[in-house]
């Protein structure tokens, strides 16, 4: 990325979003290891963006590059579990980072872009809330109902499963 400005605000250094890039790397490795879908698919991207946001936003110490991934997996599993308010958590953490203004500039912009993509991109996915329990268990022969939903609705369970399989 280019320096923040030419008026001396970036001390002449490049503004490199290292925390976000590391979060994306972790997310990519978790999904590739789980081997749930092709890396070129929309599903993979949704899962990667969900996991990257989860890793980036759960770093309350501001030391993402020093995180030991294994020690964070249980926390990420709890954040991405079904029925948890992940979307609310993401909005609150992004708001906190925006108002803190503590130098997350390029990282925060990329995290916000990922969140915008996850909210605005709609995918056709199974409607798990609209499927009776006996159909989920495989008793019904036909494919269950589907619904258009934001990409994070698909990425969240995929990300959770990838963490679980790691």
C-alpha atoms as a PDB file:
ATOM      1  CA  UNK A   1       0.000   0.000   0.000  1.00  0.00           C
ATOM      2  CA  UNK A   2       1.071   3.538  -0.522  1.00  0.00           C
ATOM      3  CA  UNK A   3       2.043   5.716   2.437  1.00  0.00           C
ATOM      4  CA  UNK A   4      -0.892   7.256   4.294  1.00  0.00           C
ATOM      5  CA  UNK A   5      -0.020  10.658   2.930  1.00  0.00           C
ATOM      6  CA  UNK A   6       2.740  12.844   1.700  1.00  0.00           C
ATOM      7  CA  UNK A   7       2.338  15.337   4.516  1.00  0.00           C
ATOM      8  CA  UNK A   8       4.406  13.288   6.948  1.00  0.00           C
ATOM      9  CA  UNK A   9       1.606  11.303   8.575  1.00  0.00           C
ATOM     10  CA  UNK A  10       3.140   7.930   7.731  1.00  0.00           C
ATOM     11  CA  UNK A  11       6.766   8.770   8.583  1.00  0.00           C
ATOM     12  CA  UNK A  12       7.666   7.863   5.000  1.00  0.00           C
ATOM     13  CA  UNK A  13       6.986   4.173   5.643  1.00  0.00           C
ATOM     14  CA  UNK A  14       4.607   1.950   3.748  1.00  0.00           C
ATOM     15  CA  UNK A  15       1.309   1.224   5.462  1.00  0.00           C
ATOM     16  CA  UNK A  16       1.318  -2.573   5.337  1.00  0.00           C
ATOM     17  CA  UNK A  17      -1.728  -4.341   6.819  1.00  0.00           C
ATOM     18  CA  UNK A  18       0.291  -7.102   8.492  1.00  0.00           C
ATOM     19  CA  UNK A  19      -2.321  -8.072  11.086  1.00  0.00           C
ATOM     20  CA  UNK A  20      -5.013  -8.505   8.430  1.00  0.00           C
ATOM     21  CA  UNK A  21      -2.668 -10.340   6.078  1.00  0.00           C
ATOM     22  CA  UNK A  22      -1.726 -12.723   8.894  1.00  0.00           C
ATOM     23  CA  UNK A  23      -5.399 -13.283   9.768  1.00  0.00           C
ATOM     24  CA  UNK A  24      -6.134 -14.122   6.114  1.00  0.00           C
ATOM     25  CA  UNK A  25      -3.167 -16.488   6.024  1.00  0.00           C
ATOM     26  CA  UNK A  26      -4.420 -18.330   9.140  1.00  0.00           C
ATOM     27  CA  UNK A  27      -7.941 -18.534   7.680  1.00  0.00           C
ATOM     28  CA  UNK A  28      -6.658 -19.802   4.349  1.00  0.00           C
ATOM     29  CA  UNK A  29      -4.544 -22.504   6.009  1.00  0.00           C
ATOM     30  CA  UNK A  30      -7.431 -23.681   8.206  1.00  0.00           C
ATOM     31  CA  UNK A  31      -9.746 -24.021   5.208  1.00  0.00           C
ATOM     32  CA  UNK A  32      -7.141 -25.678   2.979  1.00  0.00           C
ATOM     33  CA  UNK A  33      -6.300 -28.169   5.729  1.00  0.00           C
ATOM     34  CA  UNK A  34      -9.988 -29.007   6.231  1.00  0.00           C
ATOM     35  CA  UNK A  35     -10.342 -29.542   2.457  1.00  0.00           C
ATOM     36  CA  UNK A  36     -14.080 -28.826   2.540  1.00  0.00           C
ATOM     37  CA  UNK A  37     -14.358 -27.084  -0.823  1.00  0.00           C
ATOM     38  CA  UNK A  38     -12.167 -25.949  -3.728  1.00  0.00           C
ATOM     39  CA  UNK A  39     -10.081 -22.846  -2.921  1.00  0.00           C
ATOM     40  CA  UNK A  40     -11.500 -21.121  -5.998  1.00  0.00           C
ATOM     41  CA  UNK A  41     -15.125 -21.398  -4.849  1.00  0.00           C
ATOM     42  CA  UNK A  42     -17.383 -18.717  -3.437  1.00  0.00           C
ATOM     43  CA  UNK A  43     -17.896 -20.923  -0.389  1.00  0.00           C
ATOM     44  CA  UNK A  44     -14.153 -20.981   0.301  1.00  0.00           C
ATOM     45  CA  UNK A  45     -13.977 -17.202   0.096  1.00  0.00           C
ATOM     46  CA  UNK A  46     -16.936 -16.826   2.465  1.00  0.00           C
ATOM     47  CA  UNK A  47     -15.309 -19.169   4.964  1.00  0.00           C
ATOM     48  CA  UNK A  48     -11.934 -17.440   4.628  1.00  0.00           C
ATOM     49  CA  UNK A  49     -13.401 -13.972   5.188  1.00  0.00           C
ATOM     50  CA  UNK A  50     -15.361 -15.198   8.242  1.00  0.00           C
ATOM     51  CA  UNK A  51     -12.285 -16.845   9.744  1.00  0.00           C
ATOM     52  CA  UNK A  52     -10.034 -13.873   8.955  1.00  0.00           C
ATOM     53  CA  UNK A  53     -12.488 -11.493  10.626  1.00  0.00           C
ATOM     54  CA  UNK A  54     -12.770 -13.818  13.610  1.00  0.00           C
ATOM     55  CA  UNK A  55      -8.990 -14.050  14.015  1.00  0.00           C
ATOM     56  CA  UNK A  56      -8.392 -10.329  13.440  1.00  0.00           C
ATOM     57  CA  UNK A  57     -11.198  -9.078  15.676  1.00  0.00           C
ATOM     58  CA  UNK A  58     -10.529 -11.501  18.533  1.00  0.00           C
ATOM     59  CA  UNK A  59      -6.997 -10.101  18.851  1.00  0.00           C
ATOM     60  CA  UNK A  60      -7.710  -7.731  21.740  1.00  0.00           C
ATOM     61  CA  UNK A  61      -4.026  -7.348  22.626  1.00  0.00           C
ATOM     62  CA  UNK A  62      -3.097  -5.971  19.194  1.00  0.00           C
ATOM     63  CA  UNK A  63      -0.448  -8.627  18.735  1.00  0.00           C
ATOM     64  CA  UNK A  64      -1.935 -10.811  16.010  1.00  0.00           C
ATOM     65  CA  UNK A  65       1.415 -11.649  14.500  1.00  0.00           C
ATOM     66  CA  UNK A  66       2.387 -13.226  17.821  1.00  0.00           C
ATOM     67  CA  UNK A  67      -0.741 -15.369  18.239  1.00  0.00           C
ATOM     68  CA  UNK A  68      -0.228 -19.065  18.640  1.00  0.00           C
ATOM     69  CA  UNK A  69      -3.066 -20.381  16.513  1.00  0.00           C
ATOM     70  CA  UNK A  70      -3.550 -23.577  18.492  1.00  0.00           C
ATOM     71  CA  UNK A  71      -4.231 -21.631  21.689  1.00  0.00           C
ATOM     72  CA  UNK A  72      -6.925 -19.574  19.940  1.00  0.00           C
ATOM     73  CA  UNK A  73      -8.880 -22.400  18.305  1.00  0.00           C
ATOM     74  CA  UNK A  74     -11.239 -23.033  21.236  1.00  0.00           C
ATOM     75  CA  UNK A  75     -12.053 -19.328  21.442  1.00  0.00           C
ATOM     76  CA  UNK A  76     -12.717 -19.156  17.688  1.00  0.00           C
ATOM     77  CA  UNK A  77     -14.893 -22.274  17.916  1.00  0.00           C
ATOM     78  CA  UNK A  78     -17.035 -20.620  20.572  1.00  0.00           C
ATOM     79  CA  UNK A  79     -17.323 -17.409  18.515  1.00  0.00           C
ATOM     80  CA  UNK A  80     -18.406 -19.250  15.358  1.00  0.00           C
ATOM     81  CA  UNK A  81     -20.744 -21.788  16.998  1.00  0.00           C
ATOM     82  CA  UNK A  82     -24.304 -22.092  15.697  1.00  0.00           C
ATOM     83  CA  UNK A  83     -26.710 -19.796  17.473  1.00  0.00           C
ATOM     84  CA  UNK A  84     -24.020 -17.424  18.730  1.00  0.00           C
ATOM     85  CA  UNK A  85     -24.402 -13.723  17.820  1.00  0.00           C
ATOM     86  CA  UNK A  86     -21.302 -13.656  15.575  1.00  0.00           C
ATOM     87  CA  UNK A  87     -22.703 -10.871  13.375  1.00  0.00           C
ATOM     88  CA  UNK A  88     -23.364  -8.638  16.394  1.00  0.00           C
ATOM     89  CA  UNK A  89     -19.910  -9.403  17.785  1.00  0.00           C
ATOM     90  CA  UNK A  90     -18.275  -8.409  14.468  1.00  0.00           C
ATOM     91  CA  UNK A  91     -20.193  -5.118  14.285  1.00  0.00           C
ATOM     92  CA  UNK A  92     -19.337  -4.247  17.895  1.00  0.00           C
ATOM     93  CA  UNK A  93     -15.624  -5.060  17.478  1.00  0.00           C
ATOM     94  CA  UNK A  94     -15.373  -3.064  14.229  1.00  0.00           C
ATOM     95  CA  UNK A  95     -17.111  -0.101  15.892  1.00  0.00           C
ATOM     96  CA  UNK A  96     -14.699  -0.301  18.822  1.00  0.00           C
ATOM     97  CA  UNK A  97     -11.677  -0.342  16.514  1.00  0.00           C
ATOM     98  CA  UNK A  98     -13.057   2.584  14.502  1.00  0.00           C
ATOM     99  CA  UNK A  99     -13.573   4.733  17.581  1.00  0.00           C
ATOM    100  CA  UNK A 100     -10.292   3.720  19.226  1.00  0.00           C
ATOM    101  CA  UNK A 101      -8.235   5.052  16.315  1.00  0.00           C
ATOM    102  CA  UNK A 102      -5.146   3.234  17.564  1.00  0.00           C
ATOM    103  CA  UNK A 103      -3.303   2.717  14.305  1.00  0.00           C
ATOM    104  CA  UNK A 104      -5.282  -0.131  12.735  1.00  0.00           C
ATOM    105  CA  UNK A 105      -5.652   2.000   9.565  1.00  0.00           C
ATOM    106  CA  UNK A 106      -4.927  -0.346   6.658  1.00  0.00           C
ATOM    107  CA  UNK A 107      -5.865  -3.469   8.632  1.00  0.00           C
ATOM    108  CA  UNK A 108      -9.198  -1.985   9.646  1.00  0.00           C
ATOM    109  CA  UNK A 109      -9.997  -0.902   6.085  1.00  0.00           C
ATOM    110  CA  UNK A 110      -9.427  -4.449   4.813  1.00  0.00           C
ATOM    111  CA  UNK A 111     -11.473  -5.946   7.657  1.00  0.00           C
ATOM    112  CA  UNK A 112     -14.314  -3.534   6.872  1.00  0.00           C
ATOM    113  CA  UNK A 113     -14.109  -4.465   3.177  1.00  0.00           C
ATOM    114  CA  UNK A 114     -14.325  -8.161   4.082  1.00  0.00           C
ATOM    115  CA  UNK A 115     -17.322  -7.507   6.343  1.00  0.00           C
ATOM    116  CA  UNK A 116     -19.025  -5.461   3.604  1.00  0.00           C
ATOM    117  CA  UNK A 117     -18.475  -8.309   1.109  1.00  0.00           C
ATOM    118  CA  UNK A 118     -19.861 -10.881   3.562  1.00  0.00           C
ATOM    119  CA  UNK A 119     -22.980  -8.767   4.192  1.00  0.00           C
ATOM    120  CA  UNK A 120     -23.672  -7.637   0.623  1.00  0.00           C
ATOM    121  CA  UNK A 121     -22.913 -10.835  -1.293  1.00  0.00           C
ATOM    122  CA  UNK A 122     -25.902 -13.157  -1.297  1.00  0.00           C
ATOM    123  CA  UNK A 123     -25.593 -16.896  -1.774  1.00  0.00           C
ATOM    124  CA  UNK A 124     -28.176 -19.637  -2.151  1.00  0.00           C
ATOM    125  CA  UNK A 125     -27.823 -21.857   0.894  1.00  0.00           C
ATOM    126  CA  UNK A 126     -29.771 -24.436   2.862  1.00  0.00           C
ATOM    127  CA  UNK A 127     -32.351 -22.908   5.173  1.00  0.00           C
ATOM    128  CA  UNK A 128     -31.357 -24.714   8.353  1.00  0.00           C
ATOM    129  CA  UNK A 129     -33.853 -22.730  10.409  1.00  0.00           C
ATOM    130  CA  UNK A 130     -36.710 -23.796   8.133  1.00  0.00           C
ATOM    131  CA  UNK A 131     -35.925 -27.523   7.994  1.00  0.00           C
ATOM    132  CA  UNK A 132     -37.755 -29.876  10.399  1.00  0.00           C
ATOM    133  CA  UNK A 133     -35.466 -32.021  12.571  1.00  0.00           C
ATOM    134  CA  UNK A 134     -36.380 -35.279  10.801  1.00  0.00           C
ATOM    135  CA  UNK A 135     -35.234 -33.830   7.470  1.00  0.00           C
ATOM    136  CA  UNK A 136     -31.888 -32.749   8.903  1.00  0.00           C
ATOM    137  CA  UNK A 137     -31.449 -36.293  10.204  1.00  0.00           C
ATOM    138  CA  UNK A 138     -31.804 -37.569   6.632  1.00  0.00           C
ATOM    139  CA  UNK A 139     -35.255 -39.089   6.908  1.00  0.00           C
ATOM    140  CA  UNK A 140     -36.715 -37.018   4.071  1.00  0.00           C
ATOM    141  CA  UNK A 141     -35.767 -37.959   0.525  1.00  0.00           C
ATOM    142  CA  UNK A 142     -35.926 -34.548  -1.098  1.00  0.00           C
ATOM    143  CA  UNK A 143     -33.475 -31.704  -0.770  1.00  0.00           C
ATOM    144  CA  UNK A 144     -34.452 -29.257   1.973  1.00  0.00           C
ATOM    145  CA  UNK A 145     -35.526 -25.665   1.447  1.00  0.00           C
ATOM    146  CA  UNK A 146     -32.995 -23.104   0.313  1.00  0.00           C
ATOM    147  CA  UNK A 147     -32.853 -19.395   0.896  1.00  0.00           C
ATOM    148  CA  UNK A 148     -30.830 -16.439  -0.369  1.00  0.00           C
ATOM    149  CA  UNK A 149     -28.680 -15.227   2.506  1.00  0.00           C
ATOM    150  CA  UNK A 150     -25.641 -13.018   3.111  1.00  0.00           C
ATOM    151  CA  UNK A 151     -22.370 -14.855   2.458  1.00  0.00           C
ATOM    152  CA  UNK A 152     -21.488 -14.883   6.142  1.00  0.00           C
ATOM    153  CA  UNK A 153     -24.439 -17.265   6.736  1.00  0.00           C
ATOM    154  CA  UNK A 154     -22.603 -19.818   4.608  1.00  0.00           C
ATOM    155  CA  UNK A 155     -19.071 -18.881   5.672  1.00  0.00           C
ATOM    156  CA  UNK A 156     -19.754 -19.116   9.393  1.00  0.00           C
ATOM    157  CA  UNK A 157     -20.602 -22.843   9.594  1.00  0.00           C
ATOM    158  CA  UNK A 158     -17.852 -23.648   7.071  1.00  0.00           C
ATOM    159  CA  UNK A 159     -15.334 -21.708   9.124  1.00  0.00           C
ATOM    160  CA  UNK A 160     -16.510 -23.383  12.315  1.00  0.00           C
ATOM    161  CA  UNK A 161     -16.178 -26.823  10.741  1.00  0.00           C
ATOM    162  CA  UNK A 162     -12.699 -25.978   9.407  1.00  0.00           C
ATOM    163  CA  UNK A 163     -11.568 -24.971  12.899  1.00  0.00           C
ATOM    164  CA  UNK A 164     -13.077 -28.143  14.331  1.00  0.00           C
ATOM    165  CA  UNK A 165     -11.296 -30.340  11.775  1.00  0.00           C
ATOM    166  CA  UNK A 166      -7.902 -28.688  12.314  1.00  0.00           C
END
